Protein backbone atom coordinates (compact mmCIF):
# COMPACT_ATOMS: atom_id res chain seq x y z
CA MET A 1 -3.41 1.65 30.01
CA THR A 2 -3.97 1.76 33.14
CA THR A 3 -4.67 -1.37 35.26
CA THR A 4 -8.21 -0.50 35.74
CA ASP A 5 -8.26 -0.29 32.40
CA THR A 6 -12.01 -1.26 30.86
CA ARG A 7 -11.63 -1.68 27.09
CA ASP A 8 -11.15 -5.13 25.06
CA ILE A 9 -7.63 -4.94 25.51
CA THR A 10 -5.68 -8.18 23.48
CA ALA A 11 -1.99 -8.95 23.48
CA VAL A 12 -0.29 -9.01 20.06
CA GLN A 13 3.26 -10.96 19.94
CA PHE A 14 6.16 -11.29 16.88
CA ASP A 15 9.53 -11.20 16.71
CA LEU A 16 11.92 -8.08 14.74
CA ASN A 17 13.97 -10.12 12.87
CA PRO A 18 17.28 -10.34 12.18
CA ASP A 19 17.92 -10.42 15.80
CA ASN A 20 20.64 -7.90 16.11
CA PRO A 21 21.10 -6.23 19.55
CA HIS A 22 22.88 -3.35 18.47
CA ARG A 23 19.44 -2.24 16.13
CA LEU A 24 17.32 -3.50 18.78
CA ALA A 25 18.60 -0.76 21.12
CA SER A 26 18.85 1.84 18.74
CA LEU A 27 14.58 0.84 17.97
CA CYS A 28 13.93 0.82 22.18
CA GLY A 29 16.42 3.83 22.27
CA LEU A 30 17.91 4.74 25.63
CA SER A 31 16.63 2.92 28.97
CA ASN A 32 13.81 1.92 26.37
CA GLU A 33 12.61 5.56 25.70
CA ASN A 34 11.08 5.09 22.45
CA LEU A 35 8.82 2.49 23.57
CA ARG A 36 8.05 4.49 26.12
CA LEU A 37 7.25 7.67 24.02
CA ILE A 38 5.18 4.99 21.68
CA GLU A 39 3.27 4.09 24.62
CA GLU A 40 2.95 7.34 25.70
CA ARG A 41 1.17 8.41 22.47
CA LEU A 42 -0.81 5.70 21.05
CA ASP A 43 -1.93 4.43 24.96
CA VAL A 44 -0.79 0.76 24.90
CA ARG A 45 1.62 -1.87 26.50
CA ILE A 46 4.71 -2.68 25.49
CA LEU A 47 6.77 -6.01 26.54
CA SER A 48 9.86 -6.33 25.12
CA ARG A 49 12.33 -9.76 25.48
CA GLY A 50 15.28 -9.64 23.23
CA ASN A 51 13.77 -9.37 19.70
CA HIS A 52 10.01 -11.05 20.69
CA PHE A 53 7.91 -8.40 21.59
CA GLU A 54 4.31 -8.21 22.98
CA VAL A 55 1.66 -4.64 22.44
CA LYS A 56 -1.39 -5.22 24.99
CA ALA A 57 -3.88 -2.98 23.43
CA GLU A 58 -7.07 -2.72 21.58
CA ALA A 59 -7.26 -5.09 18.87
CA HIS A 60 -7.02 -2.69 16.16
CA MET A 61 -4.16 -0.86 17.72
CA GLY A 62 -1.88 -3.71 18.50
CA LEU A 63 -1.18 -4.51 14.88
CA VAL A 64 -1.04 -0.60 13.92
CA VAL A 65 1.90 -0.67 16.57
CA LYS A 66 3.34 -4.09 15.41
CA LYS A 67 3.61 -2.44 11.99
CA LEU A 68 5.33 1.48 13.69
CA LEU A 69 7.90 -1.15 14.99
CA SER A 70 8.60 -3.14 12.15
CA GLU A 71 9.05 0.29 10.15
CA LEU A 72 11.24 1.96 12.50
CA TYR A 73 13.06 -1.82 13.04
CA GLN A 74 14.05 -1.11 9.46
CA HIS A 75 15.30 2.62 9.88
CA THR A 76 18.10 1.12 12.14
CA LYS A 77 19.80 -1.18 9.06
CA GLY A 78 23.64 -0.05 8.75
CA GLY A 79 24.25 0.28 12.27
CA GLN A 80 21.53 3.99 11.88
CA ASP A 81 20.71 5.22 15.01
CA LEU A 82 16.37 6.39 15.61
CA SER A 83 16.17 10.47 15.53
CA PRO A 84 13.42 11.61 17.16
CA ASP A 85 12.03 13.65 14.37
CA LEU A 86 11.62 10.31 12.90
CA VAL A 87 9.91 8.79 15.46
CA HIS A 88 7.71 11.54 15.87
CA LEU A 89 6.90 10.80 12.06
CA HIS A 90 5.84 7.85 12.26
CA LEU A 91 4.22 8.21 15.55
CA GLN A 92 2.20 10.73 14.08
CA ASP A 93 1.02 8.06 11.24
CA ALA A 94 0.38 5.49 13.69
CA GLU A 95 -1.77 8.25 15.94
CA ILE A 96 -3.72 8.51 11.96
CA GLU A 97 -4.42 5.42 11.37
CA GLN A 98 -5.16 5.08 15.45
CA ARG A 99 -8.36 8.29 14.93
CA LEU A 100 -9.20 6.66 11.18
CA LYS A 101 -9.77 3.56 12.55
CA SER A 102 -11.85 5.06 15.99
CA GLU A 103 -14.12 6.94 13.25
CA ASP A 104 -14.67 3.60 11.62
CA ILE A 105 -13.58 4.98 8.19
CA SER A 106 -14.29 2.32 4.94
CA ALA A 107 -10.77 0.51 4.07
CA ASP A 108 -11.88 2.11 0.37
CA ASN A 109 -10.27 5.01 2.06
CA PRO A 110 -7.76 6.90 -0.10
CA TRP A 111 -6.16 7.25 3.49
CA GLN A 112 -6.00 3.52 3.39
CA ASN A 113 -3.14 3.27 0.82
CA PRO A 114 -1.55 6.35 0.84
CA ARG A 115 0.25 5.12 -2.39
CA LEU A 116 -2.78 6.00 -4.11
CA ASN A 117 -2.07 9.58 -3.71
CA GLU A 118 1.69 9.75 -3.62
CA ILE A 119 3.54 12.49 -5.10
CA ARG A 120 6.38 11.76 -6.99
CA THR A 121 9.81 13.92 -7.47
CA PRO A 122 13.20 13.22 -8.43
CA LYS A 123 14.88 12.69 -5.20
CA LEU A 124 12.07 11.91 -3.22
CA VAL A 125 8.03 10.58 -3.03
CA VAL A 126 6.15 12.51 -1.10
CA ARG A 127 2.96 10.82 0.97
CA PRO A 128 0.72 12.51 2.05
CA LYS A 129 -0.21 12.34 6.43
CA GLY A 130 -3.13 12.45 7.17
CA PRO A 131 -7.45 13.33 5.73
CA ASN A 132 -6.59 16.42 4.86
CA GLN A 133 -3.57 15.85 3.41
CA THR A 134 -4.66 13.35 1.62
CA ALA A 135 -7.99 15.77 0.47
CA TYR A 136 -5.31 18.61 -0.21
CA ILE A 137 -3.32 16.84 -2.71
CA GLU A 138 -7.01 15.39 -4.97
CA ALA A 139 -8.47 19.11 -4.67
CA VAL A 140 -4.45 20.19 -6.20
CA GLN A 141 -4.98 17.79 -9.27
CA ARG A 142 -9.20 18.59 -9.90
CA HIS A 143 -9.31 22.20 -9.82
CA ASP A 144 -7.40 24.97 -11.08
CA ILE A 145 -7.26 27.36 -8.16
CA ASN A 146 -6.91 26.10 -4.96
CA PHE A 147 -6.39 27.30 -1.15
CA GLY A 148 -4.70 25.73 2.04
CA LEU A 149 -5.20 27.65 4.81
CA GLY A 150 -4.46 26.89 8.47
CA PRO A 151 -1.36 26.71 10.61
CA ALA A 152 2.12 26.69 10.08
CA GLY A 153 3.44 22.94 9.59
CA THR A 154 0.83 20.88 8.33
CA GLY A 155 2.22 20.76 5.08
CA LYS A 156 0.53 22.95 3.30
CA THR A 157 3.59 25.01 0.96
CA PHE A 158 5.53 21.69 1.31
CA LEU A 159 2.79 19.64 -0.28
CA ALA A 160 1.78 22.56 -2.85
CA VAL A 161 5.90 21.79 -3.79
CA ALA A 162 5.43 18.28 -4.27
CA CYS A 163 2.64 18.88 -6.93
CA ALA A 164 3.84 21.68 -9.07
CA VAL A 165 7.33 19.76 -9.37
CA ASN A 166 5.37 17.02 -10.32
CA ALA A 167 3.41 18.38 -13.09
CA LEU A 168 6.83 19.97 -14.18
CA MET A 169 7.71 16.75 -14.78
CA ARG A 170 4.76 15.30 -16.38
CA ASP A 171 4.86 18.30 -18.45
CA ASP A 172 1.74 19.21 -17.30
CA VAL A 173 3.15 22.72 -17.29
CA LYS A 174 5.56 24.95 -18.81
CA ARG A 175 7.53 26.56 -16.32
CA ILE A 176 6.46 26.92 -11.91
CA LEU A 177 6.06 30.71 -10.37
CA LEU A 178 6.39 30.44 -6.66
CA VAL A 179 5.20 33.86 -4.88
CA ARG A 180 5.36 35.85 -1.34
CA PRO A 181 4.01 38.88 -0.37
CA ALA A 182 6.39 41.98 0.43
CA VAL A 183 4.95 42.14 4.26
CA GLU A 184 7.60 41.38 6.81
CA ALA A 185 6.50 40.04 10.60
CA GLY A 186 7.55 42.01 12.76
CA GLU A 187 10.03 43.31 11.13
CA LYS A 188 11.25 46.20 8.22
CA LEU A 189 13.05 45.29 4.43
CA GLY A 190 14.32 48.86 4.40
CA PHE A 191 17.59 47.71 6.20
CA LEU A 192 18.14 45.22 3.81
CA PRO A 193 20.78 45.51 0.53
CA GLY A 194 19.60 45.04 -2.89
CA ASP A 195 16.56 45.62 -4.72
CA LEU A 196 13.66 44.10 -3.80
CA ALA A 197 13.45 40.92 -5.12
CA GLN A 198 17.10 40.45 -2.90
CA LYS A 199 15.42 41.93 0.16
CA VAL A 200 12.62 39.77 0.14
CA ASP A 201 14.78 36.64 -1.14
CA PRO A 202 14.75 35.74 2.62
CA TYR A 203 11.57 35.58 3.44
CA LEU A 204 11.20 32.72 0.48
CA ARG A 205 13.76 30.02 1.79
CA PRO A 206 11.10 27.69 2.39
CA LEU A 207 10.31 27.68 -1.30
CA TYR A 208 13.56 26.97 -2.07
CA ASP A 209 14.22 24.40 0.62
CA ALA A 210 11.21 22.34 -0.46
CA LEU A 211 12.32 22.48 -4.36
CA TYR A 212 15.79 22.30 -3.51
CA GLU A 213 14.88 18.51 -1.24
CA MET A 214 12.58 16.89 -4.24
CA LEU A 215 15.21 18.53 -7.19
CA GLY A 216 18.87 19.14 -6.13
CA PHE A 217 20.73 21.97 -6.02
CA GLU A 218 21.98 21.72 -9.34
CA LYS A 219 19.02 20.86 -10.64
CA VAL A 220 16.92 24.23 -9.02
CA ASP A 221 19.57 26.69 -10.31
CA ARG A 222 19.75 25.43 -12.94
CA LEU A 223 16.13 25.67 -13.93
CA ILE A 224 16.28 29.24 -11.97
CA GLU A 225 18.56 30.07 -14.94
CA ARG A 226 16.23 29.24 -17.74
CA ASN A 227 13.12 30.66 -16.24
CA ILE A 228 11.27 27.19 -15.77
CA ILE A 229 11.27 28.40 -12.02
CA GLU A 230 10.45 31.94 -11.39
CA VAL A 231 10.79 32.97 -7.46
CA ALA A 232 9.15 36.20 -7.35
CA PRO A 233 7.46 38.48 -4.75
CA LEU A 234 3.19 39.75 -5.61
CA ALA A 235 4.51 42.94 -7.05
CA TYR A 236 6.52 41.73 -9.53
CA MET A 237 2.99 39.92 -10.79
CA ARG A 238 0.92 42.57 -12.11
CA GLY A 239 -0.07 43.09 -15.68
CA ARG A 240 1.74 39.68 -16.27
CA THR A 241 -0.76 36.58 -17.74
CA LEU A 242 0.44 33.24 -16.17
CA SER A 243 -1.20 30.75 -18.74
CA HIS A 244 0.36 26.90 -18.44
CA ALA A 245 2.11 27.39 -15.27
CA PHE A 246 1.83 25.77 -11.90
CA ILE A 247 1.87 28.73 -9.50
CA ILE A 248 1.87 29.21 -5.83
CA LEU A 249 1.01 32.17 -3.41
CA ASP A 250 2.27 31.53 0.00
CA GLU A 251 1.98 33.87 3.20
CA SER A 252 -1.08 34.67 1.56
CA GLN A 253 -2.44 36.48 4.50
CA ASN A 254 -0.57 39.59 3.92
CA THR A 255 -1.73 40.02 1.19
CA THR A 256 -4.50 43.21 0.42
CA ARG A 257 -7.34 43.24 -1.19
CA GLU A 258 -6.08 44.79 -3.87
CA GLN A 259 -3.12 42.24 -3.88
CA MET A 260 -5.07 38.93 -3.67
CA LYS A 261 -7.98 40.08 -7.21
CA MET A 262 -4.75 40.75 -9.27
CA PHE A 263 -3.30 37.55 -8.28
CA LEU A 264 -6.52 35.78 -9.20
CA THR A 265 -6.91 37.63 -12.11
CA ARG A 266 -3.45 36.72 -13.52
CA ILE A 267 -4.52 33.32 -14.07
CA GLY A 268 -4.87 31.89 -17.48
CA PHE A 269 -4.97 28.95 -19.46
CA GLY A 270 -3.60 25.44 -18.91
CA SER A 271 -2.27 26.35 -15.55
CA THR A 272 -2.71 25.49 -11.39
CA ALA A 273 -2.83 28.10 -9.03
CA VAL A 274 -2.56 27.14 -4.67
CA ILE A 275 -2.43 30.01 -2.49
CA THR A 276 -1.84 28.65 0.48
CA GLY A 277 -1.84 31.01 4.47
CA ASP A 278 -2.47 31.14 7.55
CA PRO A 279 -5.25 33.12 8.37
CA THR A 280 -4.52 33.84 12.07
CA GLN A 281 -0.68 34.80 11.53
CA VAL A 282 -1.80 38.55 9.76
CA ASP A 283 0.98 40.00 9.47
CA LEU A 284 -0.51 43.28 8.11
CA PRO A 285 -1.34 47.25 9.49
CA ARG A 286 -4.24 47.13 11.72
CA ASN A 287 -6.40 48.96 8.93
CA GLN A 288 -5.92 46.73 6.39
CA GLN A 289 -7.90 43.09 5.65
CA SER A 290 -6.49 40.07 4.84
CA GLY A 291 -7.16 39.34 0.87
CA LEU A 292 -6.86 35.69 2.13
CA LYS A 293 -10.13 36.43 4.79
CA HIS A 294 -11.94 38.36 2.09
CA ALA A 295 -10.92 36.49 -0.73
CA VAL A 296 -12.58 32.94 1.92
CA SER A 297 -15.36 34.54 2.34
CA VAL A 298 -15.86 35.80 -1.61
CA LEU A 299 -15.31 32.22 -3.49
CA ALA A 300 -17.05 30.47 -1.47
CA GLY A 301 -19.11 27.81 -3.83
CA VAL A 302 -17.68 28.83 -7.12
CA GLN A 303 -17.12 26.49 -9.87
CA GLY A 304 -13.54 25.77 -10.33
CA ILE A 305 -11.76 26.57 -6.65
CA SER A 306 -11.49 24.21 -4.10
CA PHE A 307 -10.68 25.06 -0.11
CA THR A 308 -8.42 23.28 2.74
CA HIS A 309 -8.73 23.74 5.80
CA PHE A 310 -6.31 22.40 7.82
CA ALA A 311 -6.10 22.52 11.80
CA SER A 312 -3.95 21.61 14.89
CA LYS A 313 -3.89 18.28 14.30
CA ASP A 314 -2.47 18.09 10.96
CA VAL A 315 0.96 19.63 12.20
CA VAL A 316 3.57 17.03 11.34
CA ARG A 317 6.62 18.83 13.22
CA HIS A 318 7.26 17.60 16.48
CA PRO A 319 3.83 17.52 18.75
CA VAL A 320 4.54 19.66 21.20
CA VAL A 321 3.84 22.43 18.38
CA GLN A 322 0.14 20.97 18.12
CA ARG A 323 0.27 22.01 21.37
CA ILE A 324 1.22 25.46 20.95
CA VAL A 325 -1.72 26.04 17.79
CA ASP A 326 -3.70 24.64 20.07
CA ALA A 327 -3.19 26.79 23.22
CA TYR A 328 -3.54 30.15 20.90
CA ASP A 329 -6.06 29.49 18.94
CA ALA A 330 -8.09 29.06 22.72
CA TRP A 331 -6.16 31.72 23.82
CA ASP A 332 -7.71 34.10 20.54
CA ALA A 333 -11.77 32.03 21.55
CA SER A 334 -10.86 33.45 24.66
CA ASP A 335 -9.78 37.28 23.69
CA GLU A 336 -12.48 37.12 20.72
CA SER A 337 -15.70 36.10 23.93
CA LYS A 338 -14.39 38.31 26.33
CA GLY A 339 -14.29 41.47 23.25
CA ALA A 340 -17.82 40.60 22.14
């Protein structure tokens, strides 16, 4: 915030209780680095003395920062230090609220009350971060087949797994299938030991990690043993009919047109399918068209199918990831214009 700022700036004053010097030091960070980060990201000014804080910002942002600091302060209970990841995640929530306010979105928008769209799993409650994630969850709840398209770090796969676990816990489905094509990102599978399933297993690790986080290691292992959760390469889906299941096809940009059609025609009664992928990260040979790109064109407007498109602003990883995605998009756009 500059000294020549002409916006309508107001001051919001409040106390954080209890007045605990160690917790306040953790909140502010070394040399007030956490406060400086908040100031830079949200374009506000924060003054503090002890547990008394003053936020100078546009009217609505003062209240947003007050809420942000209060939530972060709660995480310092028990002598816990605030991790950079935690500060960044809470900042992203505040930035989303800032954007929604600036776009004058009505108060009855579901994102204004994230509990309307929270997904409960045995180990954690997953809440959408932003309007696109909210729309994605709502689409999965309403449609039989759903596409989540966009860059890494936007929560496409994690939210899909959360919806799958929630559906299993509610007995809406009888099993969960997690599927990925056996195409590697610039590497060769041949040197890896084992059969095809074992070779592909390292590439399925993000799906396992999400399951472990939501269900716990022991429960996931038991459900896999009972074949209630199945993690498999796409090649194993041919000839099957998948009924009363929640099916997630991850990294679908690496399917061929034939594989995508094969997968989509496996869907049986009582099933929900979520297809996730990043159309800009295709690892197929140059002479093969991505089945994901083809499906988006073919299936546009087909009843019962939803498409949710994510962008760099939806990335919920480190802020630099958003800037990396934007830089690559700009570079690709420049290359296409030169080629044209």
